Amino acid sequence: MARFAMFRGNMLLDTALLAVLLVLMYAFFHQHRSRLAASFSSRPTLPSPNLNSADQRGMYAIPDTAKSIDTRIKLIPDLRSKACKRFEYSLREKASIIIDFNDYQFYDLKNTVQSVLNQNSYDDTVDEMIVVDDGSTLEYIRQELDRYLKTVPKARLIRFKVQRGTLKARMAATKEAKTDVVVYLDAGVLCGHGWLEPLIDLLIKDRSVVALPHYDRVHSPVSLEYLGTHGDLQAAPTWNFGIRMRATAAAADPTDRQQRFTLASPALRGSAFALRRSFLDSIGSFDEDFEEGGGDILELSLRTWMCGGMIETATCSRVAIPNFDDQLKPFSQRNCQRTAGLWFGDLREVSLRLAGLPAAIPAADEALIAARLRYIASLRQCRDVHWYWQTVARENFIPTQGAVKFGILGSATNRCARLANDSKVDLVDCAEVRNRTVFELTNGGRLRAYNRCVTTEKTAYVVLRDCRDNDTQQLWTYKDKELRNVWSNLCATHVTDPDPGVAGRQIVMAQGCNAASERRAFLQWQFLWD
C-alpha cells in the first residue's frame, strides 16, 4: 500500500510539471507568434520554369508558401497555344456555373471558385455561380461557406439537408439556372486562362453539342502542382461501364494540331463540361432514376451521340482535374444494368458479363427502363449501339456475343501482349503500347485477336493462326489468372525468345504450369480494359 501511495504521488507530481511546461510553451508562442510567422513567410520561393515548349506538356509547382489561395491560383501558367491566345470571341450569351460539394470538399471548392474568379472576363461570361451544398454535416464548414460566398460575386447557394450525390445536386441546380448555357464543375477543378469563352463559343455555333475543355492534371491539390497533358487526349468508354482518358489516333497526324480548335470525343468526363439546357431537355434531361454510385456520365455520353448530339473538346479551353489517371468506374450494379438496358441493345448481355455483373435485370428495373425508352422515343429518334461503336468510338474493339473475357492481355510482370509481324505474341512495356492488340476469350475456350485464334505450336511458340474447328491447339482455359492450353496442358508464359537471331525479345510461349513461387508472375495474366 505504501508503494502504491508513493507511485500515485509521483504521478501527480509529473502531471503538475507537465501542466506547468505546457503553460510556459503557450506563453512563449503567444508572445513571439508574429516573429515566428514572419520567419516562415520569408522563405524564398523558386523561380517559374519555362513552359513555352513545343508541345506545352510542362510542369509547374506553385510554392506552398504562397500567402493565399488567390495567390496560388494566379501563378497557374497559361498553357494555351499561340493560336488560342490570338483568337477573339464575340459572345452574345453568358453561362451559369454549377459546382457541388460535401463537407471537407469545401476547401477544394474554394480552389475552383477562385480559379473561375481569376478571369478578366468573369463579368462578361458568367451570369451566376450556383453552389450546391450536398448535405454537409459539419456546422463550422456550413458557417464558413456562408461567409465565403458573401465575397463571391454573382454566387448563390442551394443547400440539401442530406447528401444526395452529384447527379441530384446538378439536377436541382439546373432547374434553377437562369441561363440556357450551363457549365458543370467538380470541386477541385482548376480553370485555366480563358477557359470559359471557347466553351460558350462552341455552344453558340452548335446548339446540340456538349462542350468539353481540354483536361490537364492537378498532381497535388495542396501545392496545386499543375501538369499539362497531350493535346489529343479524349475521354473514351470501357467495357466495364467506365470512362478513361487516352490519346487518339489523331496524335500521329502530322497536321498542325495548334490550328484545330475542336476535337470530337466519344464520351465526356463529368469533372467539367458545358451544354445547353434546351438541348439536354430535348434528349430527356438527366436520368433521375440513377442512384448514387456513378455510371450516369457514361449514359449521358451514349444518349448524346445516339440521339442526335455531339461531344466535342474545345481545345483552347483548359482545366486541370484531380485523379486524372483514374478510370471513372461506377460502383452501382443497378446503374450499370440500367445503362446496358437503355443503350447496349444486343450487346447488353455480353457487356454485363464482361463487367462481372448479372445479365438478368430485376423486373421492376426492366419496367423503368422500358418506360424511359418510350419517353426518349417520344422526343428523339435515336441510333443503335453498333452505330456508336463503329462511327463514334471507332478505336474501341467490339466483343462477340460469346466473350467471357475481353481486353488488353497483361502479365503480372507488367508487360502487355501485342501481335508481331511474324504472328508471334510479343510482350512490351504496357506504357509503350501504341497499336493495341485486344484479346477475347470466348465461352467455347478460344482466345482470339483480329478474328484469328491464339494457337500453341509443336515448337511451344504461341502464335496467331486462322481459327479451325475442333482444334484443341487453339483451346484455352482461364483459372486463377493462368491461361492453360487444352492440347499441350502447358501455360502461356512470359519468356525471352530462345531464337538467337532476336536477342532479348520478350514473347509468350507454352511452358510447364508448375513454376516456382518466385516465377509465378510469369504465368499470370489479366484482361485489362481497353
Protein backbone atom coordinates (compact mmCIF):
# COMPACT_ATOMS: atom_id res chain seq x y z
CA MET A 1 0.00 0.00 0.00
CA ALA A 2 2.88 2.35 0.82
CA ARG A 3 4.41 1.64 -2.61
CA PHE A 4 1.10 2.43 -4.29
CA ALA A 5 0.82 5.74 -2.42
CA MET A 6 4.38 6.70 -3.44
CA PHE A 7 3.65 5.74 -7.09
CA ARG A 8 0.46 7.78 -7.05
CA GLY A 9 2.29 10.76 -5.53
CA ASN A 10 4.95 10.63 -8.28
CA MET A 11 2.23 10.54 -10.95
CA LEU A 12 0.58 13.65 -9.52
CA LEU A 13 3.94 15.47 -9.42
CA ASP A 14 4.68 14.53 -13.06
CA THR A 15 1.25 15.70 -14.16
CA ALA A 16 1.73 19.02 -12.39
CA LEU A 17 5.14 19.56 -14.02
CA LEU A 18 3.71 18.76 -17.47
CA ALA A 19 0.91 21.27 -16.96
CA VAL A 20 3.42 24.00 -16.00
CA LEU A 21 5.54 23.20 -19.07
CA LEU A 22 2.51 23.48 -21.40
CA VAL A 23 1.58 26.87 -19.90
CA LEU A 24 5.14 28.19 -20.39
CA MET A 25 5.20 26.94 -24.01
CA TYR A 26 1.86 28.60 -24.76
CA ALA A 27 3.07 31.89 -23.25
CA PHE A 28 6.27 31.77 -25.35
CA PHE A 29 4.48 31.12 -28.66
CA HIS A 30 1.79 33.69 -27.90
CA GLN A 31 4.43 36.34 -27.19
CA HIS A 32 6.60 35.58 -30.23
CA ARG A 33 4.00 34.41 -32.77
CA SER A 34 4.42 37.43 -35.06
CA ARG A 35 8.19 36.94 -35.38
CA LEU A 36 7.75 33.20 -35.97
CA ALA A 37 5.16 33.81 -38.70
CA ALA A 38 7.48 36.32 -40.36
CA SER A 39 10.35 33.86 -40.35
CA PHE A 40 8.24 31.19 -42.09
CA SER A 41 6.74 33.59 -44.65
CA SER A 42 10.17 34.97 -45.59
CA ARG A 43 11.40 31.67 -47.02
CA PRO A 44 12.46 32.12 -50.68
CA THR A 45 10.29 30.73 -53.49
CA LEU A 46 11.54 29.02 -56.60
CA PRO A 47 11.55 30.89 -59.92
CA SER A 48 8.99 29.92 -62.56
CA PRO A 49 10.22 27.31 -65.06
CA ASN A 50 9.95 27.95 -68.79
CA LEU A 51 6.68 26.46 -70.09
CA ASN A 52 6.94 27.57 -73.71
CA SER A 53 7.87 24.11 -75.04
CA ALA A 54 6.64 22.99 -78.43
CA ASP A 55 4.07 20.51 -77.08
CA GLN A 56 3.28 22.52 -73.92
CA ARG A 57 3.48 19.50 -71.65
CA GLY A 58 5.13 21.35 -68.80
CA MET A 59 5.04 21.03 -65.05
CA TYR A 60 4.72 23.93 -62.68
CA ALA A 61 4.79 23.55 -58.90
CA ILE A 62 3.22 26.50 -57.11
CA PRO A 63 5.09 27.21 -53.85
CA ASP A 64 3.44 26.00 -50.67
CA THR A 65 4.45 29.31 -49.06
CA ALA A 66 2.03 31.36 -51.15
CA LYS A 67 0.04 33.58 -48.82
CA SER A 68 -3.44 32.66 -50.04
CA ILE A 69 -5.43 30.52 -52.42
CA ASP A 70 -5.82 33.54 -54.67
CA THR A 71 -2.04 33.97 -54.92
CA ARG A 72 -1.52 30.33 -55.84
CA ILE A 73 -4.29 30.43 -58.44
CA LYS A 74 -2.78 33.48 -60.12
CA LEU A 75 0.52 31.61 -60.53
CA ILE A 76 -1.07 28.87 -62.67
CA PRO A 77 0.63 29.08 -66.09
CA ASP A 78 -1.15 29.77 -69.36
CA LEU A 79 -0.69 26.60 -71.44
CA ARG A 80 -2.83 27.66 -74.40
CA SER A 81 -1.32 27.62 -77.88
CA LYS A 82 -0.39 30.87 -79.59
CA ALA A 83 -3.33 30.44 -81.95
CA CYS A 84 -5.72 30.14 -78.99
CA LYS A 85 -4.29 33.25 -77.33
CA ARG A 86 -4.79 35.25 -80.53
CA PHE A 87 -8.37 34.11 -81.06
CA GLU A 88 -11.01 36.76 -80.29
CA TYR A 89 -14.50 35.78 -79.20
CA SER A 90 -17.70 37.74 -79.76
CA LEU A 91 -20.04 36.22 -77.20
CA ARG A 92 -23.74 37.02 -77.08
CA GLU A 93 -24.57 34.83 -74.08
CA LYS A 94 -23.46 34.22 -70.53
CA ALA A 95 -23.31 30.99 -68.58
CA SER A 96 -24.50 29.63 -65.25
CA ILE A 97 -21.73 27.74 -63.44
CA ILE A 98 -22.78 24.90 -61.13
CA ILE A 99 -20.45 23.39 -58.50
CA ASP A 100 -21.42 20.92 -55.77
CA PHE A 101 -19.51 19.76 -52.71
CA ASN A 102 -19.90 17.98 -49.39
CA ASP A 103 -18.15 18.77 -46.08
CA TYR A 104 -14.34 18.76 -46.47
CA GLN A 105 -14.65 19.22 -50.24
CA PHE A 106 -15.32 22.85 -49.32
CA TYR A 107 -11.60 23.56 -49.46
CA ASP A 108 -11.41 22.09 -52.98
CA LEU A 109 -14.46 24.17 -53.84
CA LYS A 110 -12.60 27.35 -52.84
CA ASN A 111 -9.75 26.48 -55.22
CA THR A 112 -12.24 26.01 -58.05
CA VAL A 113 -14.19 29.19 -57.32
CA GLN A 114 -11.02 31.29 -57.10
CA SER A 115 -9.79 29.88 -60.41
CA VAL A 116 -13.08 30.96 -62.00
CA LEU A 117 -12.84 34.41 -60.43
CA ASN A 118 -9.26 34.73 -61.67
CA GLN A 119 -10.52 35.53 -65.18
CA ASN A 120 -10.59 39.05 -66.58
CA SER A 121 -13.76 38.10 -68.44
CA TYR A 122 -15.72 36.86 -65.40
CA ASP A 123 -18.30 39.67 -65.53
CA ASP A 124 -18.74 39.29 -69.29
CA THR A 125 -19.10 35.49 -69.38
CA VAL A 126 -20.72 34.44 -66.08
CA ASP A 127 -24.32 35.28 -65.22
CA GLU A 128 -24.36 33.37 -61.93
CA MET A 129 -22.45 30.80 -59.91
CA ILE A 130 -24.66 28.24 -58.19
CA VAL A 131 -23.01 26.35 -55.32
CA VAL A 132 -24.80 23.24 -54.06
CA ASP A 133 -24.02 22.18 -50.50
CA ASP A 134 -24.81 18.48 -50.82
CA GLY A 135 -25.81 17.78 -47.24
CA SER A 136 -22.72 18.93 -45.34
CA THR A 137 -22.96 17.88 -41.69
CA LEU A 138 -20.07 19.90 -40.21
CA GLU A 139 -21.50 23.11 -38.79
CA TYR A 140 -18.26 25.08 -38.94
CA ILE A 141 -17.98 24.35 -42.67
CA ARG A 142 -21.58 25.42 -43.24
CA GLN A 143 -20.86 28.70 -41.46
CA GLU A 144 -17.56 29.25 -43.28
CA LEU A 145 -19.32 28.61 -46.60
CA ASP A 146 -21.94 31.25 -45.82
CA ARG A 147 -19.24 33.80 -45.02
CA TYR A 148 -17.17 32.89 -48.07
CA LEU A 149 -20.00 33.11 -50.61
CA LYS A 150 -20.74 36.67 -49.47
CA THR A 151 -17.37 37.59 -51.02
CA VAL A 152 -18.06 35.83 -54.35
CA PRO A 153 -19.79 38.00 -56.96
CA LYS A 154 -22.95 36.51 -58.51
CA ALA A 155 -22.88 33.46 -56.22
CA ARG A 156 -25.96 31.85 -54.74
CA LEU A 157 -26.43 28.76 -52.61
CA ILE A 158 -28.63 25.67 -52.76
CA ARG A 159 -28.42 23.60 -49.59
CA PHE A 160 -29.53 19.97 -49.21
CA LYS A 161 -30.42 18.69 -45.75
CA VAL A 162 -28.99 15.25 -46.57
CA GLN A 163 -26.37 14.13 -49.10
CA ARG A 164 -28.00 13.15 -52.40
CA GLY A 165 -24.99 12.88 -54.74
CA THR A 166 -23.63 14.92 -57.63
CA LEU A 167 -26.32 13.90 -60.12
CA LYS A 168 -29.19 15.07 -57.92
CA ALA A 169 -27.27 18.23 -57.00
CA ARG A 170 -26.78 19.09 -60.67
CA MET A 171 -30.41 18.34 -61.47
CA ALA A 172 -31.64 20.71 -58.76
CA ALA A 173 -29.27 23.50 -59.77
CA THR A 174 -30.04 23.10 -63.49
CA LYS A 175 -33.75 23.64 -62.82
CA GLU A 176 -32.95 26.92 -61.08
CA ALA A 177 -30.34 28.18 -63.56
CA LYS A 178 -31.21 31.48 -65.25
CA THR A 179 -29.33 30.87 -68.49
CA ASP A 180 -29.59 28.29 -71.26
CA VAL A 181 -25.82 27.73 -71.22
CA VAL A 182 -24.84 25.73 -68.13
CA VAL A 183 -21.33 24.70 -67.05
CA TYR A 184 -20.75 21.91 -64.52
CA LEU A 185 -17.56 21.73 -62.45
CA ASP A 186 -16.42 19.30 -59.78
CA ALA A 187 -14.93 20.78 -56.63
CA GLY A 188 -11.16 20.64 -57.08
CA VAL A 189 -11.08 21.52 -60.79
CA LEU A 190 -8.70 24.38 -61.62
CA CYS A 191 -9.79 26.56 -64.54
CA GLY A 192 -7.01 27.88 -66.76
CA HIS A 193 -6.66 31.19 -68.54
CA GLY A 194 -9.51 31.97 -70.91
CA TRP A 195 -11.19 28.62 -70.24
CA LEU A 196 -14.85 29.67 -70.49
CA GLU A 197 -15.03 31.69 -73.72
CA PRO A 198 -14.23 28.70 -76.03
CA LEU A 199 -16.95 26.61 -74.38
CA ILE A 200 -19.62 29.29 -74.77
CA ASP A 201 -18.47 29.99 -78.33
CA LEU A 202 -18.82 26.31 -79.26
CA LEU A 203 -22.35 26.19 -77.81
CA ILE A 204 -23.31 29.32 -79.75
CA LYS A 205 -22.10 27.78 -83.00
CA ASP A 206 -23.76 24.40 -82.38
CA ARG A 207 -26.72 24.18 -80.03
CA SER A 208 -26.71 20.35 -79.96
CA VAL A 209 -23.16 19.86 -78.73
CA VAL A 210 -21.84 19.03 -75.28
CA ALA A 211 -18.66 21.11 -74.93
CA LEU A 212 -15.63 19.85 -73.03
CA PRO A 213 -12.44 21.65 -72.03
CA HIS A 214 -9.07 20.01 -72.59
CA TYR A 215 -8.19 18.20 -69.37
CA ASP A 216 -4.85 18.88 -67.73
CA ARG A 217 -3.76 17.26 -64.47
CA VAL A 218 -3.75 18.54 -60.87
CA HIS A 219 -0.94 16.48 -59.38
CA SER A 220 -1.29 17.91 -55.87
CA PRO A 221 -4.43 19.62 -54.54
CA VAL A 222 -2.31 21.17 -51.76
CA SER A 223 0.53 22.78 -53.69
CA LEU A 224 -1.57 22.92 -56.89
CA GLU A 225 1.19 21.28 -58.89
CA TYR A 226 -0.03 21.68 -62.46
CA LEU A 227 0.81 19.19 -65.25
CA GLY A 228 -0.05 19.81 -68.89
CA THR A 229 -1.29 16.82 -70.89
CA HIS A 230 -1.17 15.66 -74.51
CA GLY A 231 -3.18 17.78 -76.93
CA ASP A 232 -5.03 14.82 -78.47
CA LEU A 233 -6.47 13.27 -75.34
CA GLN A 234 -10.11 12.26 -75.29
CA ALA A 235 -12.48 10.54 -72.89
CA ALA A 236 -13.39 7.05 -74.06
CA PRO A 237 -15.75 4.36 -72.74
CA THR A 238 -14.58 0.97 -71.50
CA TRP A 239 -16.40 -2.35 -71.42
CA ASN A 240 -16.81 -2.27 -67.64
CA PHE A 241 -19.03 0.83 -67.92
CA GLY A 242 -16.13 3.12 -67.08
CA ILE A 243 -14.56 6.15 -68.76
CA ARG A 244 -10.83 6.65 -69.17
CA MET A 245 -8.58 9.25 -70.78
CA ARG A 246 -6.44 8.18 -73.72
CA ALA A 247 -4.64 9.63 -76.73
CA THR A 248 -6.43 9.32 -80.05
CA ALA A 249 -5.13 8.09 -83.36
CA ALA A 250 -5.03 11.76 -84.38
CA ALA A 251 -1.88 12.04 -82.24
CA ALA A 252 0.04 10.60 -85.19
CA ASP A 253 -1.48 13.05 -87.66
CA PRO A 254 1.28 15.34 -88.99
CA THR A 255 -1.13 18.27 -89.47
CA ASP A 256 -0.65 21.22 -87.16
CA ARG A 257 -2.70 20.43 -84.05
CA GLN A 258 -2.36 24.02 -82.89
CA GLN A 259 -4.83 25.12 -85.58
CA ARG A 260 -7.56 22.64 -84.65
CA PHE A 261 -9.97 24.26 -82.22
CA THR A 262 -12.32 21.30 -81.68
CA LEU A 263 -11.82 17.57 -81.25
CA ALA A 264 -14.64 15.02 -81.19
CA SER A 265 -14.79 12.88 -78.05
CA PRO A 266 -16.67 9.55 -77.68
CA ALA A 267 -17.54 10.33 -74.07
CA LEU A 268 -17.46 13.15 -71.58
CA ARG A 269 -15.77 13.14 -68.22
CA GLY A 270 -18.04 14.55 -65.55
CA SER A 271 -15.34 16.73 -63.97
CA ALA A 272 -16.06 19.69 -66.27
CA PHE A 273 -18.44 20.12 -69.20
CA ALA A 274 -20.94 22.59 -70.66
CA LEU A 275 -24.21 22.27 -72.55
CA ARG A 276 -27.47 23.99 -73.31
CA ARG A 277 -30.41 23.21 -71.06
CA SER A 278 -32.66 23.27 -74.11
CA PHE A 279 -30.61 20.51 -75.76
CA LEU A 280 -30.46 18.49 -72.53
CA ASP A 281 -34.25 18.69 -72.23
CA SER A 282 -34.65 17.63 -75.86
CA ILE A 283 -32.88 14.30 -75.19
CA GLY A 284 -34.59 13.58 -71.87
CA SER A 285 -32.62 15.70 -69.37
CA PHE A 286 -30.66 13.98 -66.58
CA ASP A 287 -31.89 10.47 -65.77
CA GLU A 288 -33.36 10.78 -62.28
CA ASP A 289 -33.70 7.00 -61.86
CA PHE A 290 -29.94 6.64 -61.49
CA GLU A 291 -28.92 6.14 -57.89
CA GLU A 292 -25.76 7.48 -56.30
CA GLY A 293 -22.85 5.34 -57.45
CA GLY A 294 -21.73 6.64 -60.84
CA GLY A 295 -22.49 5.49 -64.36
CA ASP A 296 -24.76 8.41 -65.23
CA ILE A 297 -21.99 10.21 -67.13
CA LEU A 298 -21.46 7.27 -69.50
CA GLU A 299 -25.23 7.03 -70.02
CA LEU A 300 -25.41 10.74 -70.87
CA SER A 301 -22.46 10.33 -73.25
CA LEU A 302 -24.14 7.49 -75.14
CA ARG A 303 -27.51 9.26 -75.25
CA THR A 304 -25.94 12.49 -76.52
CA TRP A 305 -24.30 10.79 -79.50
CA MET A 306 -27.02 8.24 -80.27
CA CYS A 307 -29.86 10.78 -80.07
CA GLY A 308 -28.56 13.44 -82.44
CA GLY A 309 -25.99 15.40 -80.45
CA MET A 310 -22.20 15.55 -80.37
CA ILE A 311 -19.49 15.74 -77.72
CA GLU A 312 -16.57 17.97 -78.63
CA THR A 313 -13.50 19.28 -76.85
CA ALA A 314 -12.85 23.00 -77.28
CA THR A 315 -9.08 22.70 -77.37
CA CYS A 316 -8.48 26.34 -76.39
CA SER A 317 -10.28 25.73 -73.10
CA ARG A 318 -8.03 24.11 -70.50
CA VAL A 319 -8.82 23.00 -66.97
CA ALA A 320 -6.85 20.77 -64.61
CA ILE A 321 -8.60 17.93 -62.81
CA PRO A 322 -7.59 15.78 -59.84
CA ASN A 323 -7.30 11.99 -60.27
CA PHE A 324 -6.71 12.44 -63.98
CA ASP A 325 -5.26 8.96 -64.49
CA ASP A 326 -8.05 7.14 -62.66
CA GLN A 327 -10.67 5.35 -64.69
CA LEU A 328 -14.17 6.55 -63.79
CA LYS A 329 -15.82 3.26 -62.89
CA PRO A 330 -19.31 3.07 -61.35
CA PHE A 331 -19.75 1.08 -58.18
CA SER A 332 -23.51 0.70 -58.51
CA GLN A 333 -24.58 -2.59 -60.14
CA ARG A 334 -28.06 -1.19 -60.72
CA ASN A 335 -26.69 1.83 -62.62
CA CYS A 336 -24.58 -0.41 -64.88
CA GLN A 337 -27.56 -2.62 -65.60
CA ARG A 338 -29.69 0.43 -66.36
CA THR A 339 -27.11 1.79 -68.83
CA ALA A 340 -26.87 -1.62 -70.52
CA GLY A 341 -30.63 -1.95 -70.70
CA LEU A 342 -31.10 1.52 -72.15
CA TRP A 343 -28.35 1.68 -74.76
CA PHE A 344 -26.41 -1.54 -75.32
CA GLY A 345 -29.06 -3.34 -77.38
CA ASP A 346 -27.95 -6.85 -78.38
CA LEU A 347 -24.61 -6.21 -76.64
CA ARG A 348 -26.37 -5.85 -73.31
CA GLU A 349 -25.77 -9.40 -72.05
CA VAL A 350 -22.12 -9.61 -73.09
CA SER A 351 -21.34 -6.15 -71.67
CA LEU A 352 -22.74 -7.13 -68.27
CA ARG A 353 -20.94 -10.48 -68.39
CA LEU A 354 -17.61 -8.80 -69.15
CA ALA A 355 -18.14 -6.44 -66.22
CA GLY A 356 -18.80 -9.42 -63.93
CA LEU A 357 -22.41 -8.42 -63.38
CA PRO A 358 -25.67 -10.41 -63.60
CA ALA A 359 -27.24 -10.26 -67.06
CA ALA A 360 -30.71 -10.68 -65.55
CA ILE A 361 -32.14 -7.28 -64.61
CA PRO A 362 -34.86 -7.21 -61.89
CA ALA A 363 -38.39 -6.93 -63.28
CA ALA A 364 -39.06 -3.59 -61.56
CA ASP A 365 -35.94 -2.07 -63.13
CA GLU A 366 -36.83 -3.56 -66.53
CA ALA A 367 -40.16 -1.74 -66.33
CA LEU A 368 -38.43 1.55 -65.53
CA ILE A 369 -36.02 1.03 -68.45
CA ALA A 370 -38.90 0.36 -70.85
CA ALA A 371 -40.74 3.48 -69.67
CA ARG A 372 -37.62 5.60 -70.09
CA LEU A 373 -37.03 4.33 -73.62
CA ARG A 374 -40.64 5.13 -74.57
CA TYR A 375 -40.20 8.66 -73.23
CA ILE A 376 -36.96 9.27 -75.11
CA ALA A 377 -38.52 7.84 -78.30
CA SER A 378 -41.27 10.46 -77.98
CA LEU A 379 -38.60 13.18 -78.03
CA ARG A 380 -35.97 11.92 -80.46
CA GLN A 381 -35.20 9.18 -82.93
CA CYS A 382 -32.02 7.54 -81.64
CA ARG A 383 -29.45 5.29 -83.34
CA ASP A 384 -28.38 1.87 -82.09
CA VAL A 385 -25.27 0.94 -80.16
CA HIS A 386 -23.48 -0.60 -83.18
CA TRP A 387 -23.59 2.79 -84.92
CA TYR A 388 -21.96 4.33 -81.84
CA TRP A 389 -19.10 1.80 -81.63
CA GLN A 390 -18.47 1.77 -85.38
CA THR A 391 -18.79 5.52 -86.02
CA VAL A 392 -18.00 7.40 -82.82
CA ALA A 393 -15.87 5.10 -80.64
CA ARG A 394 -14.06 3.57 -83.62
CA GLU A 395 -10.86 2.88 -81.67
CA ASN A 396 -12.72 0.57 -79.29
CA PHE A 397 -12.94 -3.10 -80.25
CA ILE A 398 -16.33 -4.78 -80.01
CA PRO A 399 -16.59 -8.18 -78.25
CA THR A 400 -18.52 -11.04 -79.82
CA GLN A 401 -21.62 -12.41 -78.13
CA GLY A 402 -19.65 -15.36 -76.74
CA ALA A 403 -16.96 -13.31 -74.97
CA VAL A 404 -16.32 -14.11 -71.30
CA LYS A 405 -13.08 -12.10 -71.01
CA PHE A 406 -12.04 -9.11 -73.10
CA GLY A 407 -9.27 -6.52 -73.14
CA ILE A 408 -5.54 -5.98 -73.48
CA LEU A 409 -3.72 -9.09 -72.21
CA GLY A 410 -1.35 -8.04 -69.45
CA SER A 411 1.09 -10.19 -67.49
CA ALA A 412 1.89 -9.92 -63.80
CA THR A 413 5.40 -8.91 -64.95
CA ASN A 414 3.94 -5.60 -66.17
CA ARG A 415 4.14 -6.48 -69.85
CA CYS A 416 1.33 -6.30 -72.40
CA ALA A 417 0.77 -8.69 -75.30
CA ARG A 418 0.95 -7.39 -78.86
CA LEU A 419 0.72 -9.21 -82.19
CA ALA A 420 4.04 -9.12 -84.04
CA ASN A 421 4.61 -9.18 -87.81
CA ASP A 422 5.69 -12.85 -87.66
CA SER A 423 2.39 -13.77 -85.90
CA LYS A 424 4.13 -14.41 -82.57
CA VAL A 425 2.83 -12.65 -79.48
CA ASP A 426 5.32 -10.04 -78.31
CA LEU A 427 5.42 -8.66 -74.76
CA VAL A 428 6.20 -4.96 -74.39
CA ASP A 429 6.07 -2.38 -71.63
CA CYS A 430 2.37 -1.56 -71.21
CA ALA A 431 3.16 2.18 -71.20
CA GLU A 432 4.73 1.81 -74.65
CA VAL A 433 1.79 0.07 -76.31
CA ARG A 434 0.74 2.12 -79.34
CA ASN A 435 -1.09 -0.33 -81.61
CA ARG A 436 -3.19 -2.09 -79.01
CA THR A 437 -3.99 -5.78 -79.52
CA VAL A 438 -7.25 -6.64 -77.80
CA PHE A 439 -7.82 -10.29 -76.90
CA GLU A 440 -11.08 -12.09 -76.29
CA LEU A 441 -11.66 -15.40 -74.51
CA THR A 442 -14.92 -16.98 -75.67
CA ASN A 443 -17.25 -19.30 -73.79
CA GLY A 444 -16.01 -22.04 -76.14
CA GLY A 445 -12.42 -21.62 -74.97
CA ARG A 446 -11.00 -19.77 -77.97
CA LEU A 447 -8.50 -16.96 -77.30
CA ARG A 448 -8.96 -14.57 -80.22
CA ALA A 449 -7.45 -11.38 -81.61
CA TYR A 450 -8.16 -9.76 -85.00
CA ASN A 451 -10.58 -12.64 -85.80
CA ARG A 452 -7.72 -15.14 -85.51
CA CYS A 453 -7.03 -17.67 -82.77
CA VAL A 454 -4.10 -17.93 -80.37
CA THR A 455 -2.51 -21.30 -81.12
CA THR A 456 0.15 -23.42 -79.39
CA GLU A 457 2.62 -24.81 -81.94
CA LYS A 458 4.56 -28.08 -81.54
CA THR A 459 7.63 -25.88 -81.01
CA ALA A 460 5.89 -24.37 -77.91
CA TYR A 461 5.68 -20.99 -79.63
CA VAL A 462 2.35 -19.20 -79.16
CA VAL A 463 1.16 -17.64 -82.43
CA LEU A 464 -1.98 -16.33 -84.12
CA ARG A 465 -3.48 -18.58 -86.80
CA ASP A 466 -6.75 -18.78 -88.67
CA CYS A 467 -9.37 -20.35 -86.40
CA ARG A 468 -10.04 -24.05 -87.03
CA ASP A 469 -12.99 -26.14 -85.84
CA ASN A 470 -12.32 -28.74 -83.13
CA ASP A 471 -8.61 -27.87 -82.88
CA THR A 472 -7.52 -28.28 -79.26
CA GLN A 473 -4.27 -26.45 -80.00
CA GLN A 474 -6.49 -23.35 -80.13
CA LEU A 475 -8.47 -24.04 -76.95
CA TRP A 476 -7.64 -22.48 -73.58
CA THR A 477 -8.90 -22.44 -70.02
CA TYR A 478 -8.55 -19.44 -67.71
CA LYS A 479 -8.43 -20.05 -63.98
CA ASP A 480 -6.58 -18.34 -61.15
CA LYS A 481 -5.08 -15.95 -63.76
CA GLU A 482 -3.47 -18.86 -65.66
CA LEU A 483 -4.08 -19.46 -69.38
CA ARG A 484 -3.71 -23.23 -69.93
CA ASN A 485 -3.68 -24.74 -73.43
CA VAL A 486 -6.01 -27.76 -73.68
CA TRP A 487 -3.89 -29.66 -76.25
CA SER A 488 -0.50 -29.36 -74.54
CA ASN A 489 -1.64 -28.83 -70.93
CA LEU A 490 1.01 -26.08 -70.83
CA CYS A 491 0.53 -22.50 -69.64
CA ALA A 492 1.06 -19.25 -71.52
CA THR A 493 4.30 -17.90 -70.06
CA HIS A 494 6.37 -14.73 -70.35
CA VAL A 495 9.82 -15.81 -71.63
CA THR A 496 12.81 -14.49 -73.53
CA ASP A 497 12.67 -15.77 -77.12
CA PRO A 498 15.19 -18.64 -77.43
CA ASP A 499 15.83 -17.70 -81.07
CA PRO A 500 19.41 -16.28 -81.06
CA GLY A 501 18.56 -14.11 -84.04
CA VAL A 502 16.28 -11.89 -81.91
CA ALA A 503 18.33 -11.50 -78.75
CA GLY A 504 16.38 -10.16 -75.79
CA ARG A 505 12.94 -10.34 -77.43
CA GLN A 506 10.18 -10.92 -74.85
CA ILE A 507 7.36 -13.18 -76.05
CA VAL A 508 4.65 -15.63 -74.96
CA MET A 509 5.43 -19.36 -75.12
CA ALA A 510 3.75 -22.50 -73.75
CA GLN A 511 5.65 -23.76 -70.71
CA GLY A 512 5.05 -26.02 -67.73
CA CYS A 513 2.48 -24.74 -65.25
CA ASN A 514 4.31 -25.78 -62.06
CA ALA A 515 6.68 -22.84 -61.80
CA ALA A 516 8.46 -21.99 -58.57
CA SER A 517 6.82 -19.32 -56.43
CA GLU A 518 9.30 -16.65 -57.50
CA ARG A 519 8.38 -17.37 -61.14
CA ARG A 520 4.59 -17.38 -60.74
CA ALA A 521 4.27 -13.84 -62.09
CA PHE A 522 5.48 -15.05 -65.49
CA LEU A 523 2.43 -17.34 -65.77
CA GLN A 524 -0.26 -14.95 -64.56
CA TRP A 525 -2.42 -12.86 -66.91
CA GLN A 526 -5.22 -10.34 -66.72
CA PHE A 527 -7.55 -8.91 -69.34
CA LEU A 528 -7.06 -5.17 -68.92
CA TRP A 529 -9.89 -2.91 -70.03
CA ASP A 530 -9.27 -1.25 -73.36
